[in-house]
Amino acid sequence: MNDSLDHLTNSPFTGKTGFENLSPAKVTLCLLLLLLAASFIPFVIQKSNLLENQYGAEMVAKSKDYSDPEEFKVLRVRMNLWTSGLTLPFLALLFPLIISNYTGLNKSDLGWKNTGLIPSIKQGFTWLIILVPIVYILQFFMVKIQLLLPGENVTDHPLTQLADQKLLALEWIMLFFSAVVGAPLLEEQIFRGFIQPWIMAKKSGVLITISCAIFLSVFQFRADWYKAFSLAWGDRSMENDSQLQIHITKALGPLLFSLLVSALIFIINRKNKSHAAIGATALLFGMIHAFAWPSPVGLTLLGVGLGIAFAKTGNIVTPIFIHVGFNFLAFGMLLIQTVIKG
């Protein structure tokens, strides 16, 4: 990265945007409003009995049975495709409207530029070619390392579990709109278009963001922390000690990773705020996906690439293009895997 990253097209330091006036409370409220809006589609789905008509009342009832979380896990993932496939694109379209009306930021502040579209897409294509092999190689080695640890704690993304399922045509469509359309559009607007420039505009932006990332690394593994502490203070036996080791290993991995990256970001922040903002945003982006450990390691690296690409062009289309391409490749691989398994 070079000094050009310090002069973003939409940088709040130019005085042309209002990111510097956004308090952490206001940013949080914006995201809460988005979450509130996210409840609209599930409400409509529930009231329309869409799932009952598609799968039958008995199957829907089973998907809501959490007495054994693993038993109907894949069934829940299939039904959640309808929610995510409709909700994520809806929120992606709604996001600029919510932010603009509540904060006064315009679409240009959020990275939506009317000029330089073709060069932005060209840069996105270049970055995509660079990032895909690097992220996948890193992910490959992280999985190998994880399998050497107690418990072999590798958690597949919920969507990858669908490779063994014979999905309906409409389910494939919902999966496409969720993973390839909705998620990239929404996540890039939130992380690169909103959070990254906000971090650069606020003195405490880096600290707040990495604190949230560290919190997520613990919160998403709260069940393992609870079981680990319960076993540590309970009766000691070989079986309990083995389970303790497994839960500790599973819970510590994300926490240690987030702490290590946070320390690196703090060091970078002393010399270059914009570089630190890119790193902090990438870490938060990665830890949002901590439920599928160890994929957040590769996704954090992907987030760094997305942040740099956005910094260089100032156009949100660039990271969206990269993200869409990355997820489309994953979608294609899942589809091929499903066809092969027949």
Foldseek 3Di string as FASTA:
>chain_A
DDPLLVPFPLAVVVVPWDLLVQDPVNLVVLVVVLVVQLVVQVVVCVVVVVVCVVPNPVLVVVLPDVPPVVPCLLSVLLVCLSSLLPRLLVSLVCSQVSCCVSPVGHVLSLFADPPPPVVLLVLLVVLLVVQQVVLVVVVVVQLVVLCVFQPSDFFADSVLVCLQPDDDPVSLSSVCSRQQNRPLSRLLSSLQRRLLSSQLSYPCSLVVLLVLLLVLLQVLLVVLVVLLVCLVPDDDDPVSVSSNRNSCVLSVVSNVVSVVLSVVLVVVCVPGRSLSSQLSSLSSQLSVRSNRPPSSVSSSVLSSSLNVSCSNHSHSVSSSSSSSVSSVVVSVVSVVSSVVSD
